Amino acid sequence: MSNLQVKLEAWIDDVNRENSNTIQLIEKFLDRMFFLIKWAGIPFVVYLLFEISKW
């Protein structure tokens, strides 16, 4: 249990640092996620516009 507590304290210290590895990993993940949403969403919106224009 103390091993887990030491790891948790090290992780909390990492999160509280200015150049945190955890925060950088979350930032990279979110950047990639929004990039995929943007580039997958643009063709979908264009498709919807074409479908609506057929009415």
PDB file of N, CA and C in Angstrom:
ATOM      1  N   MET A   1       0.828  -1.193   0.000  1.00  0.00           N
ATOM      2  CA  MET A   1       0.000   0.000   0.000  1.00  0.00           C
ATOM      3  C   MET A   1       0.868   1.251   0.000  1.00  0.00           C
ATOM      4  N   SER A   2       1.989   1.201   0.725  1.00  0.00           N
ATOM      5  CA  SER A   2       2.848   2.392   0.780  1.00  0.00           C
ATOM      6  C   SER A   2       3.482   2.656  -0.583  1.00  0.00           C
ATOM      7  N   ASN A   3       3.717   1.588  -1.379  1.00  0.00           N
ATOM      8  CA  ASN A   3       4.258   1.771  -2.724  1.00  0.00           C
ATOM      9  C   ASN A   3       3.278   2.561  -3.584  1.00  0.00           C
ATOM     10  N   LEU A   4       2.001   2.235  -3.481  1.00  0.00           N
ATOM     11  CA  LEU A   4       0.971   2.958  -4.215  1.00  0.00           C
ATOM     12  C   LEU A   4       0.888   4.401  -3.749  1.00  0.00           C
ATOM     13  N   GLN A   5       1.005   4.624  -2.476  1.00  0.00           N
ATOM     14  CA  GLN A   5       0.946   5.970  -1.930  1.00  0.00           C
ATOM     15  C   GLN A   5       2.138   6.806  -2.421  1.00  0.00           C
ATOM     16  N   VAL A   6       3.314   6.211  -2.502  1.00  0.00           N
ATOM     17  CA  VAL A   6       4.503   6.925  -2.994  1.00  0.00           C
ATOM     18  C   VAL A   6       4.312   7.308  -4.454  1.00  0.00           C
ATOM     19  N   LYS A   7       3.774   6.376  -5.242  1.00  0.00           N
ATOM     20  CA  LYS A   7       3.526   6.665  -6.657  1.00  0.00           C
ATOM     21  C   LYS A   7       2.472   7.760  -6.822  1.00  0.00           C
ATOM     22  N   LEU A   8       1.438   7.728  -6.014  1.00  0.00           N
ATOM     23  CA  LEU A   8       0.402   8.749  -6.075  1.00  0.00           C
ATOM     24  C   LEU A   8       0.958  10.118  -5.691  1.00  0.00           C
ATOM     25  N   GLU A   9       1.788  10.173  -4.672  1.00  0.00           N
ATOM     26  CA  GLU A   9       2.399  11.439  -4.274  1.00  0.00           C
ATOM     27  C   GLU A   9       3.325  11.963  -5.358  1.00  0.00           C
ATOM     28  N   ALA A  10       4.066  11.080  -6.028  1.00  0.00           N
ATOM     29  CA  ALA A  10       4.941  11.498  -7.130  1.00  0.00           C
ATOM     30  C   ALA A  10       4.118  12.035  -8.286  1.00  0.00           C
ATOM     31  N   TRP A  11       2.987  11.390  -8.565  1.00  0.00           N
ATOM     32  CA  TRP A  11       2.111  11.866  -9.645  1.00  0.00           C
ATOM     33  C   TRP A  11       1.512  13.222  -9.300  1.00  0.00           C
ATOM     34  N   ILE A  12       1.085  13.418  -8.053  1.00  0.00           N
ATOM     35  CA  ILE A  12       0.528  14.706  -7.618  1.00  0.00           C
ATOM     36  C   ILE A  12       1.586  15.796  -7.721  1.00  0.00           C
ATOM     37  N   ASP A  13       2.809  15.484  -7.328  1.00  0.00           N
ATOM     38  CA  ASP A  13       3.898  16.457  -7.468  1.00  0.00           C
ATOM     39  C   ASP A  13       4.137  16.802  -8.934  1.00  0.00           C
ATOM     40  N   ASP A  14       4.056  15.795  -9.810  1.00  0.00           N
ATOM     41  CA  ASP A  14       4.237  16.041 -11.237  1.00  0.00           C
ATOM     42  C   ASP A  14       3.147  16.961 -11.773  1.00  0.00           C
ATOM     43  N   VAL A  15       1.917  16.727 -11.391  1.00  0.00           N
ATOM     44  CA  VAL A  15       0.803  17.546 -11.873  1.00  0.00           C
ATOM     45  C   VAL A  15       0.949  18.989 -11.395  1.00  0.00           C
ATOM     46  N   ASN A  16       1.489  19.184 -10.216  1.00  0.00           N
ATOM     47  CA  ASN A  16       1.607  20.532  -9.669  1.00  0.00           C
ATOM     48  C   ASN A  16       2.803  21.304 -10.217  1.00  0.00           C
ATOM     49  N   ARG A  17       3.713  20.640 -10.917  1.00  0.00           N
ATOM     50  CA  ARG A  17       4.859  21.347 -11.492  1.00  0.00           C
ATOM     51  C   ARG A  17       4.417  22.160 -12.703  1.00  0.00           C
ATOM     52  N   GLU A  18       5.220  23.159 -13.049  1.00  0.00           N
ATOM     53  CA  GLU A  18       4.897  24.018 -14.188  1.00  0.00           C
ATOM     54  C   GLU A  18       4.995  23.268 -15.513  1.00  0.00           C
ATOM     55  N   ASN A  19       6.019  22.457 -15.691  1.00  0.00           N
ATOM     56  CA  ASN A  19       6.189  21.685 -16.933  1.00  0.00           C
ATOM     57  C   ASN A  19       5.877  20.210 -16.679  1.00  0.00           C
ATOM     58  N   SER A  20       4.648  19.951 -16.334  1.00  0.00           N
ATOM     59  CA  SER A  20       4.203  18.618 -15.935  1.00  0.00           C
ATOM     60  C   SER A  20       4.119  17.678 -17.139  1.00  0.00           C
ATOM     61  N   ASN A  21       4.643  16.481 -16.984  1.00  0.00           N
ATOM     62  CA  ASN A  21       4.533  15.472 -18.043  1.00  0.00           C
ATOM     63  C   ASN A  21       3.090  15.032 -18.238  1.00  0.00           C
ATOM     64  N   THR A  22       2.349  14.926 -17.157  1.00  0.00           N
ATOM     65  CA  THR A  22       0.951  14.513 -17.238  1.00  0.00           C
ATOM     66  C   THR A  22       0.132  15.528 -18.019  1.00  0.00           C
ATOM     67  N   ILE A  23       0.321  16.793 -17.718  1.00  0.00           N
ATOM     68  CA  ILE A  23      -0.421  17.842 -18.418  1.00  0.00           C
ATOM     69  C   ILE A  23      -0.031  17.875 -19.892  1.00  0.00           C
ATOM     70  N   GLN A  24       1.240  17.665 -20.198  1.00  0.00           N
ATOM     71  CA  GLN A  24       1.675  17.641 -21.597  1.00  0.00           C
ATOM     72  C   GLN A  24       1.054  16.471 -22.345  1.00  0.00           C
ATOM     73  N   LEU A  25       0.948  15.311 -21.701  1.00  0.00           N
ATOM     74  CA  LEU A  25       0.306  14.157 -22.342  1.00  0.00           C
ATOM     75  C   LEU A  25      -1.181  14.415 -22.599  1.00  0.00           C
ATOM     76  N   ILE A  26      -1.853  15.022 -21.637  1.00  0.00           N
ATOM     77  CA  ILE A  26      -3.272  15.348 -21.817  1.00  0.00           C
ATOM     78  C   ILE A  26      -3.440  16.360 -22.937  1.00  0.00           C
ATOM     79  N   GLU A  27      -2.526  17.342 -22.992  1.00  0.00           N
ATOM     80  CA  GLU A  27      -2.588  18.356 -24.045  1.00  0.00           C
ATOM     81  C   GLU A  27      -2.407  17.723 -25.430  1.00  0.00           C
ATOM     82  N   LYS A  28      -1.440  16.818 -25.572  1.00  0.00           N
ATOM     83  CA  LYS A  28      -1.238  16.138 -26.853  1.00  0.00           C
ATOM     84  C   LYS A  28      -2.466  15.326 -27.247  1.00  0.00           C
ATOM     85  N   PHE A  29      -3.042  14.620 -26.274  1.00  0.00           N
ATOM     86  CA  PHE A  29      -4.236  13.818 -26.548  1.00  0.00           C
ATOM     87  C   PHE A  29      -5.392  14.693 -27.018  1.00  0.00           C
ATOM     88  N   LEU A  30      -5.614  15.821 -26.334  1.00  0.00           N
ATOM     89  CA  LEU A  30      -6.717  16.694 -26.707  1.00  0.00           C
ATOM     90  C   LEU A  30      -6.479  17.355 -28.059  1.00  0.00           C
ATOM     91  N   ASP A  31      -5.239  17.749 -28.350  1.00  0.00           N
ATOM     92  CA  ASP A  31      -4.934  18.326 -29.652  1.00  0.00           C
ATOM     93  C   ASP A  31      -5.242  17.351 -30.779  1.00  0.00           C
ATOM     94  N   ARG A  32      -4.841  16.099 -30.606  1.00  0.00           N
ATOM     95  CA  ARG A  32      -5.112  15.086 -31.633  1.00  0.00           C
ATOM     96  C   ARG A  32      -6.595  14.792 -31.749  1.00  0.00           C
ATOM     97  N   MET A  33      -7.291  14.764 -30.634  1.00  0.00           N
ATOM     98  CA  MET A  33      -8.724  14.492 -30.653  1.00  0.00           C
ATOM     99  C   MET A  33      -9.479  15.602 -31.396  1.00  0.00           C
ATOM    100  N   PHE A  34      -9.169  16.868 -31.089  1.00  0.00           N
ATOM    101  CA  PHE A  34      -9.841  17.974 -31.767  1.00  0.00           C
ATOM    102  C   PHE A  34      -9.456  18.041 -33.235  1.00  0.00           C
ATOM    103  N   PHE A  35      -8.204  17.675 -33.578  1.00  0.00           N
ATOM    104  CA  PHE A  35      -7.789  17.629 -34.976  1.00  0.00           C
ATOM    105  C   PHE A  35      -8.640  16.612 -35.744  1.00  0.00           C
ATOM    106  N   LEU A  36      -8.829  15.429 -35.159  1.00  0.00           N
ATOM    107  CA  LEU A  36      -9.646  14.404 -35.816  1.00  0.00           C
ATOM    108  C   LEU A  36     -11.105  14.833 -35.930  1.00  0.00           C
ATOM    109  N   ILE A  37     -11.628  15.449 -34.896  1.00  0.00           N
ATOM    110  CA  ILE A  37     -13.020  15.907 -34.940  1.00  0.00           C
ATOM    111  C   ILE A  37     -13.188  16.952 -36.027  1.00  0.00           C
ATOM    112  N   LYS A  38     -12.226  17.862 -36.127  1.00  0.00           N
ATOM    113  CA  LYS A  38     -12.319  18.932 -37.132  1.00  0.00           C
ATOM    114  C   LYS A  38     -12.297  18.346 -38.538  1.00  0.00           C
ATOM    115  N   TRP A  39     -11.336  17.484 -38.821  1.00  0.00           N
ATOM    116  CA  TRP A  39     -11.195  16.985 -40.186  1.00  0.00           C
ATOM    117  C   TRP A  39     -12.202  15.899 -40.525  1.00  0.00           C
ATOM    118  N   ALA A  40     -12.789  15.252 -39.546  1.00  0.00           N
ATOM    119  CA  ALA A  40     -13.867  14.306 -39.830  1.00  0.00           C
ATOM    120  C   ALA A  40     -15.198  15.041 -39.917  1.00  0.00           C
ATOM    121  N   GLY A  41     -15.302  16.183 -39.241  1.00  0.00           N
ATOM    122  CA  GLY A  41     -16.556  16.924 -39.221  1.00  0.00           C
ATOM    123  C   GLY A  41     -16.797  17.761 -40.453  1.00  0.00           C
ATOM    124  N   ILE A  42     -15.749  18.265 -41.074  1.00  0.00           N
ATOM    125  CA  ILE A  42     -15.905  19.117 -42.260  1.00  0.00           C
ATOM    126  C   ILE A  42     -16.555  18.343 -43.412  1.00  0.00           C
ATOM    127  N   PRO A  43     -16.070  17.158 -43.769  1.00  0.00           N
ATOM    128  CA  PRO A  43     -16.761  16.417 -44.839  1.00  0.00           C
ATOM    129  C   PRO A  43     -18.204  16.046 -44.475  1.00  0.00           C
ATOM    130  N   PHE A  44     -18.460  15.781 -43.216  1.00  0.00           N
ATOM    131  CA  PHE A  44     -19.821  15.449 -42.799  1.00  0.00           C
ATOM    132  C   PHE A  44     -20.751  16.652 -42.973  1.00  0.00           C
ATOM    133  N   VAL A  45     -20.280  17.837 -42.628  1.00  0.00           N
ATOM    134  CA  VAL A  45     -21.101  19.046 -42.800  1.00  0.00           C
ATOM    135  C   VAL A  45     -21.345  19.312 -44.283  1.00  0.00           C
ATOM    136  N   VAL A  46     -20.319  19.115 -45.097  1.00  0.00           N
ATOM    137  CA  VAL A  46     -20.493  19.293 -46.551  1.00  0.00           C
ATOM    138  C   VAL A  46     -21.512  18.287 -47.075  1.00  0.00           C
ATOM    139  N   TYR A  47     -21.429  17.046 -46.617  1.00  0.00           N
ATOM    140  CA  TYR A  47     -22.410  16.037 -47.013  1.00  0.00           C
ATOM    141  C   TYR A  47     -23.823  16.454 -46.601  1.00  0.00           C
ATOM    142  N   LEU A  48     -23.968  16.953 -45.382  1.00  0.00           N
ATOM    143  CA  LEU A  48     -25.291  17.391 -44.934  1.00  0.00           C
ATOM    144  C   LEU A  48     -25.814  18.537 -45.786  1.00  0.00           C
ATOM    145  N   LEU A  49     -24.939  19.470 -46.158  1.00  0.00           N
ATOM    146  CA  LEU A  49     -25.374  20.576 -47.015  1.00  0.00           C
ATOM    147  C   LEU A  49     -25.837  20.080 -48.375  1.00  0.00           C
ATOM    148  N   PHE A  50     -25.143  19.106 -48.952  1.00  0.00           N
ATOM    149  CA  PHE A  50     -25.580  18.539 -50.229  1.00  0.00           C
ATOM    150  C   PHE A  50     -26.926  17.824 -50.092  1.00  0.00           C
ATOM    151  N   GLU A  51     -27.121  17.096 -49.015  1.00  0.00           N
ATOM    152  CA  GLU A  51     -28.376  16.383 -48.801  1.00  0.00           C
ATOM    153  C   GLU A  51     -29.532  17.357 -48.594  1.00  0.00           C
ATOM    154  N   ILE A  52     -29.289  18.423 -47.872  1.00  0.00           N
ATOM    155  CA  ILE A  52     -30.344  19.414 -47.643  1.00  0.00           C
ATOM    156  C   ILE A  52     -30.684  20.131 -48.940  1.00  0.00           C
ATOM    157  N   SER A  53     -29.687  20.381 -49.784  1.00  0.00           N
ATOM    158  CA  SER A  53     -29.950  21.095 -51.022  1.00  0.00           C
ATOM    159  C   SER A  53     -30.756  20.262 -52.011  1.00  0.00           C
ATOM    160  N   LYS A  54     -30.833  18.949 -51.818  1.00  0.00           N
ATOM    161  CA  LYS A  54     -31.642  18.095 -52.703  1.00  0.00           C
ATOM    162  C   LYS A  54     -33.129  18.223 -52.422  1.00  0.00           C
ATOM    163  N   TRP A  55     -33.508  18.762 -51.289  1.00  0.00           N
ATOM    164  CA  TRP A  55     -34.918  18.869 -50.945  1.00  0.00           C
ATOM    165  C   TRP A  55     -35.534  19.809 -51.897  1.00  0.00           C
TER     166      TRP A  55
END
